[in-house]
Amino acid sequence: MPRVSWQSLKEFEIMIPDDKTIIEFEKITFPILKSIIQRIHENKTLTQLRDILLPKLMSGEVNVEQITAVA
């Protein structure tokens, strides 16, 4: 695995964008980040529903018709 020394890393120059570029970048990336966060929450909710419903479906306690009637 290639490695870099701290000295080399310390000497590495990086560009810091101006405020206009940062604002434009945020305009593009913020909606994407917001969508990702929303999907993470949806995924957690769906996982919880699966964990609740699957054992009940497997045991016969509830059936698909009961679930679709509620939805």
C-alpha atoms as a PDB file:
ATOM      1  CA  MET A   1       0.000   0.000   0.000  1.00  0.00           C
ATOM      2  CA  PRO A   2       1.554   3.319  -1.000  1.00  0.00           C
ATOM      3  CA  ARG A   3       2.183   5.799   1.773  1.00  0.00           C
ATOM      4  CA  VAL A   4       3.087   9.455   1.886  1.00  0.00           C
ATOM      5  CA  SER A   5       5.329  11.096   4.431  1.00  0.00           C
ATOM      6  CA  TRP A   6       4.029  13.833   6.686  1.00  0.00           C
ATOM      7  CA  GLN A   7       6.668  16.147   5.257  1.00  0.00           C
ATOM      8  CA  SER A   8       5.438  15.600   1.697  1.00  0.00           C
ATOM      9  CA  LEU A   9       1.853  16.035   2.808  1.00  0.00           C
ATOM     10  CA  LYS A  10       2.713  19.249   4.645  1.00  0.00           C
ATOM     11  CA  GLU A  11       4.251  20.689   1.478  1.00  0.00           C
ATOM     12  CA  PHE A  12       1.272  19.775  -0.697  1.00  0.00           C
ATOM     13  CA  GLU A  13      -0.578  22.878  -1.859  1.00  0.00           C
ATOM     14  CA  ILE A  14      -4.343  22.943  -2.024  1.00  0.00           C
ATOM     15  CA  MET A  15      -6.606  25.462  -3.683  1.00  0.00           C
ATOM     16  CA  ILE A  16      -9.215  27.218  -1.593  1.00  0.00           C
ATOM     17  CA  PRO A  17     -12.124  28.335  -3.773  1.00  0.00           C
ATOM     18  CA  ASP A  18     -13.508  31.844  -3.681  1.00  0.00           C
ATOM     19  CA  ASP A  19     -16.896  32.535  -2.066  1.00  0.00           C
ATOM     20  CA  LYS A  20     -18.788  32.549  -5.384  1.00  0.00           C
ATOM     21  CA  THR A  21     -17.482  29.085  -6.273  1.00  0.00           C
ATOM     22  CA  ILE A  22     -18.380  27.770  -2.821  1.00  0.00           C
ATOM     23  CA  ILE A  23     -21.927  29.142  -3.135  1.00  0.00           C
ATOM     24  CA  GLU A  24     -22.375  27.609  -6.589  1.00  0.00           C
ATOM     25  CA  PHE A  25     -21.022  24.292  -5.327  1.00  0.00           C
ATOM     26  CA  GLU A  26     -23.465  24.335  -2.415  1.00  0.00           C
ATOM     27  CA  LYS A  27     -26.381  25.121  -4.760  1.00  0.00           C
ATOM     28  CA  ILE A  28     -25.599  21.924  -6.651  1.00  0.00           C
ATOM     29  CA  THR A  29     -24.650  19.641  -3.783  1.00  0.00           C
ATOM     30  CA  PHE A  30     -27.141  20.669  -1.061  1.00  0.00           C
ATOM     31  CA  PRO A  31     -30.217  19.187  -2.820  1.00  0.00           C
ATOM     32  CA  ILE A  32     -28.274  15.971  -3.411  1.00  0.00           C
ATOM     33  CA  LEU A  33     -27.222  15.785   0.241  1.00  0.00           C
ATOM     34  CA  LYS A  34     -30.785  16.539   1.354  1.00  0.00           C
ATOM     35  CA  SER A  35     -32.080  13.693  -0.831  1.00  0.00           C
ATOM     36  CA  ILE A  36     -29.477  11.294   0.560  1.00  0.00           C
ATOM     37  CA  ILE A  37     -30.444  12.159   4.144  1.00  0.00           C
ATOM     38  CA  GLN A  38     -34.146  11.729   3.330  1.00  0.00           C
ATOM     39  CA  ARG A  39     -33.500   8.304   1.797  1.00  0.00           C
ATOM     40  CA  ILE A  40     -31.463   7.242   4.827  1.00  0.00           C
ATOM     41  CA  HIS A  41     -34.443   8.066   7.059  1.00  0.00           C
ATOM     42  CA  GLU A  42     -36.846   6.268   4.705  1.00  0.00           C
ATOM     43  CA  ASN A  43     -34.565   3.236   4.708  1.00  0.00           C
ATOM     44  CA  LYS A  44     -34.519   3.169   8.522  1.00  0.00           C
ATOM     45  CA  THR A  45     -38.325   3.374   8.596  1.00  0.00           C
ATOM     46  CA  LEU A  46     -38.695   0.583   6.042  1.00  0.00           C
ATOM     47  CA  THR A  47     -36.200  -1.567   7.956  1.00  0.00           C
ATOM     48  CA  GLN A  48     -38.193  -1.094  11.154  1.00  0.00           C
ATOM     49  CA  LEU A  49     -41.440  -1.992   9.375  1.00  0.00           C
ATOM     50  CA  ARG A  50     -39.842  -5.089   7.891  1.00  0.00           C
ATOM     51  CA  ASP A  51     -38.523  -6.171  11.275  1.00  0.00           C
ATOM     52  CA  ILE A  52     -41.989  -5.746  12.806  1.00  0.00           C
ATOM     53  CA  LEU A  53     -44.036  -7.287   9.988  1.00  0.00           C
ATOM     54  CA  LEU A  54     -41.876 -10.189   8.810  1.00  0.00           C
ATOM     55  CA  PRO A  55     -42.159 -12.291  11.977  1.00  0.00           C
ATOM     56  CA  LYS A  56     -45.919 -11.668  12.054  1.00  0.00           C
ATOM     57  CA  LEU A  57     -46.242 -12.693   8.405  1.00  0.00           C
ATOM     58  CA  MET A  58     -44.140 -15.804   8.946  1.00  0.00           C
ATOM     59  CA  SER A  59     -46.185 -16.861  11.991  1.00  0.00           C
ATOM     60  CA  GLY A  60     -49.503 -16.204  10.244  1.00  0.00           C
ATOM     61  CA  GLU A  61     -50.470 -13.577  12.829  1.00  0.00           C
ATOM     62  CA  VAL A  62     -51.149 -11.179   9.946  1.00  0.00           C
ATOM     63  CA  ASN A  63     -51.551 -11.698   6.229  1.00  0.00           C
ATOM     64  CA  VAL A  64     -50.846  -9.577   3.182  1.00  0.00           C
ATOM     65  CA  GLU A  65     -54.525  -8.630   2.763  1.00  0.00           C
ATOM     66  CA  GLN A  66     -54.548  -7.127   6.267  1.00  0.00           C
ATOM     67  CA  ILE A  67     -51.424  -5.117   5.552  1.00  0.00           C
ATOM     68  CA  THR A  68     -52.616  -3.787   2.194  1.00  0.00           C
ATOM     69  CA  ALA A  69     -55.998  -2.836   3.705  1.00  0.00           C
ATOM     70  CA  VAL A  70     -54.196  -0.613   6.228  1.00  0.00           C
ATOM     71  CA  ALA A  71     -51.933   0.959   3.598  1.00  0.00           C
END
